Amino acid sequence: MGAQSIPLPRPTEVSAPFWAGCARGQLLVQRCAACGWYVFVPEPCCTRCTSFELEWVESLGQGTVYSFSVVWRPQQPAFDTPYIAVIVELAEGWKTLTNLVECDPSEVYVDMPVEVTFRRMSDEITLPYFRPQTKQVRKQS
């Protein structure tokens, strides 16, 4: 993707810890202290039990491709094609929508082991992407 020209997210008060973690090379996710549910995208309360007892925890940053689509025709000209949009299921059990990088579109498959990698896009934003990994990941219960 055209790294300097794509539209970038705008951090909010709720999502600021996530973006600060990305800048440090950490993939953070909210976990509910009341029920243990992982909450992603960042929210002010748990999407399962509505508790406000959310804490930021570091993810292992490893998972598998849950679903994917190769994009050949971008929604905006700023995006270079092809790119691989993926839903990654993290080892902790939560899912994120992201892009798969360092992978030929013909080689991606469901259940492919992946790991997080970070790309600094601006002074304020470092984006988490995922790339293929060589070691297998075991799901945590």
Protein backbone atom coordinates (compact mmCIF):
# COMPACT_ATOMS: atom_id res chain seq x y z
CA MET A 1 0.00 0.00 0.00
CA GLY A 2 1.05 3.55 -0.57
CA ALA A 3 2.33 4.01 2.97
CA GLN A 4 2.30 7.79 3.18
CA SER A 5 -0.88 8.46 1.23
CA ILE A 6 -3.51 6.12 2.64
CA PRO A 7 -6.16 7.54 4.99
CA LEU A 8 -5.03 7.08 8.59
CA PRO A 9 -7.14 6.49 11.69
CA ARG A 10 -7.78 9.28 14.16
CA PRO A 11 -7.18 8.14 17.74
CA THR A 12 -9.89 8.90 20.28
CA GLU A 13 -9.69 9.05 24.06
CA VAL A 14 -10.84 5.41 24.18
CA SER A 15 -8.47 4.13 21.46
CA ALA A 16 -5.38 6.18 22.43
CA PRO A 17 -3.80 3.35 24.52
CA PHE A 18 -4.08 1.00 21.51
CA TRP A 19 -2.24 3.46 19.24
CA ALA A 20 0.38 4.19 21.90
CA GLY A 21 1.01 0.44 22.16
CA CYS A 22 1.41 0.14 18.39
CA ALA A 23 3.99 2.95 18.46
CA ARG A 24 5.96 0.87 21.03
CA GLY A 25 5.60 -2.33 18.97
CA GLN A 26 2.94 -3.82 21.25
CA LEU A 27 -0.44 -5.12 20.12
CA LEU A 28 -2.81 -4.19 22.94
CA VAL A 29 -6.39 -5.31 23.43
CA GLN A 30 -8.97 -4.53 26.10
CA ARG A 31 -9.97 -7.34 28.45
CA CYS A 32 -12.92 -7.13 30.80
CA ALA A 33 -11.91 -7.64 34.43
CA ALA A 34 -15.49 -8.69 35.25
CA CYS A 35 -16.06 -11.45 32.67
CA GLY A 36 -12.69 -11.96 30.91
CA TRP A 37 -14.04 -11.08 27.45
CA TYR A 38 -11.65 -9.48 24.97
CA VAL A 39 -13.03 -6.26 23.51
CA PHE A 40 -11.83 -5.14 20.11
CA VAL A 41 -12.34 -2.52 18.65
CA PRO A 42 -11.71 -0.30 21.70
CA GLU A 43 -14.90 0.53 23.59
CA PRO A 44 -15.76 2.36 26.83
CA CYS A 45 -17.47 -0.77 28.25
CA CYS A 46 -17.48 -4.53 27.74
CA THR A 47 -19.49 -5.60 24.70
CA ARG A 48 -20.44 -8.83 26.50
CA CYS A 49 -21.44 -7.83 30.04
CA THR A 50 -21.42 -3.98 29.82
CA SER A 51 -18.92 -3.65 32.68
CA PHE A 52 -16.71 -0.56 32.67
CA GLU A 53 -13.86 -2.61 34.20
CA LEU A 54 -11.74 -2.82 31.07
CA GLU A 55 -7.97 -3.20 31.20
CA TRP A 56 -5.40 -3.03 28.43
CA VAL A 57 -3.36 -6.22 28.03
CA GLU A 58 -0.68 -7.16 25.54
CA SER A 59 -1.61 -9.75 22.93
CA LEU A 60 0.87 -12.38 21.82
CA GLY A 61 0.40 -10.92 18.34
CA GLN A 62 0.13 -14.39 16.84
CA GLY A 63 -2.86 -16.05 15.28
CA THR A 64 -4.34 -17.51 12.14
CA VAL A 65 -6.16 -16.18 9.09
CA TYR A 66 -9.87 -16.59 9.83
CA SER A 67 -11.04 -15.13 6.51
CA PHE A 68 -9.53 -13.10 3.67
CA SER A 69 -10.15 -11.28 0.42
CA VAL A 70 -7.67 -10.15 -2.19
CA VAL A 71 -8.52 -6.60 -3.26
CA TRP A 72 -7.80 -5.84 -6.89
CA ARG A 73 -9.88 -2.68 -7.21
CA PRO A 74 -9.36 -0.24 -4.34
CA GLN A 75 -12.08 1.97 -2.88
CA GLN A 76 -9.66 4.91 -3.11
CA PRO A 77 -6.73 5.46 -5.47
CA ALA A 78 -4.36 5.89 -2.50
CA PHE A 79 -4.33 2.10 -1.99
CA ASP A 80 -1.92 0.05 -4.07
CA THR A 81 -3.33 -3.23 -5.37
CA PRO A 82 -3.46 -6.06 -4.98
CA TYR A 83 -3.64 -6.17 -1.19
CA ILE A 84 -4.91 -8.84 1.13
CA ALA A 85 -7.61 -7.88 3.62
CA VAL A 86 -7.78 -10.46 6.40
CA ILE A 87 -9.62 -11.21 9.58
CA VAL A 88 -7.07 -12.63 11.98
CA GLU A 89 -8.10 -14.75 14.94
CA LEU A 90 -5.53 -14.10 17.64
CA ALA A 91 -4.20 -16.83 19.94
CA GLU A 92 -6.22 -15.30 22.80
CA GLY A 93 -9.46 -15.79 20.83
CA TRP A 94 -10.29 -12.26 19.65
CA LYS A 95 -10.41 -11.18 16.01
CA THR A 96 -9.14 -8.13 14.13
CA LEU A 97 -9.56 -6.86 10.58
CA THR A 98 -6.20 -5.97 9.07
CA ASN A 99 -3.99 -6.49 6.04
CA LEU A 100 -1.63 -9.35 5.34
CA VAL A 101 1.77 -8.16 4.13
CA GLU A 102 4.94 -9.90 2.94
CA CYS A 103 2.77 -12.55 1.28
CA ASP A 104 1.88 -13.24 -2.33
CA PRO A 105 -1.92 -13.17 -2.76
CA SER A 106 -1.83 -16.67 -4.27
CA GLU A 107 -0.27 -18.07 -1.07
CA VAL A 108 -2.76 -16.90 1.57
CA TYR A 109 -5.16 -19.49 3.01
CA VAL A 110 -7.62 -19.87 5.88
CA ASP A 111 -5.83 -21.07 9.07
CA MET A 112 -2.47 -19.69 7.83
CA PRO A 113 -0.30 -18.89 10.88
CA VAL A 114 0.46 -15.16 11.06
CA GLU A 115 2.18 -12.68 13.36
CA VAL A 116 1.89 -8.96 13.91
CA THR A 117 4.31 -6.49 12.38
CA PHE A 118 4.19 -2.72 12.76
CA ARG A 119 4.65 0.03 10.19
CA ARG A 120 5.11 3.64 11.15
CA MET A 121 2.85 5.70 8.91
CA SER A 122 3.24 9.15 10.49
CA ASP A 123 4.53 10.76 13.67
CA GLU A 124 1.21 9.87 15.32
CA ILE A 125 0.21 6.54 13.76
CA THR A 126 1.90 3.15 13.60
CA LEU A 127 -0.34 0.53 12.02
CA PRO A 128 -0.44 -3.14 12.97
CA TYR A 129 -0.31 -5.48 9.99
CA PHE A 130 0.14 -9.23 9.91
CA ARG A 131 2.58 -11.38 7.98
CA PRO A 132 3.05 -15.15 7.58
CA GLN A 133 4.95 -16.81 10.40
CA THR A 134 7.06 -19.92 10.35
CA LYS A 135 6.26 -21.37 13.77
CA GLN A 136 2.86 -22.85 14.61
CA VAL A 137 0.51 -21.13 17.06
CA ARG A 138 -1.62 -22.98 19.59
CA LYS A 139 -4.98 -21.43 20.47
CA GLN A 140 -5.45 -20.50 24.09
CA SER A 141 -8.68 -21.49 25.78
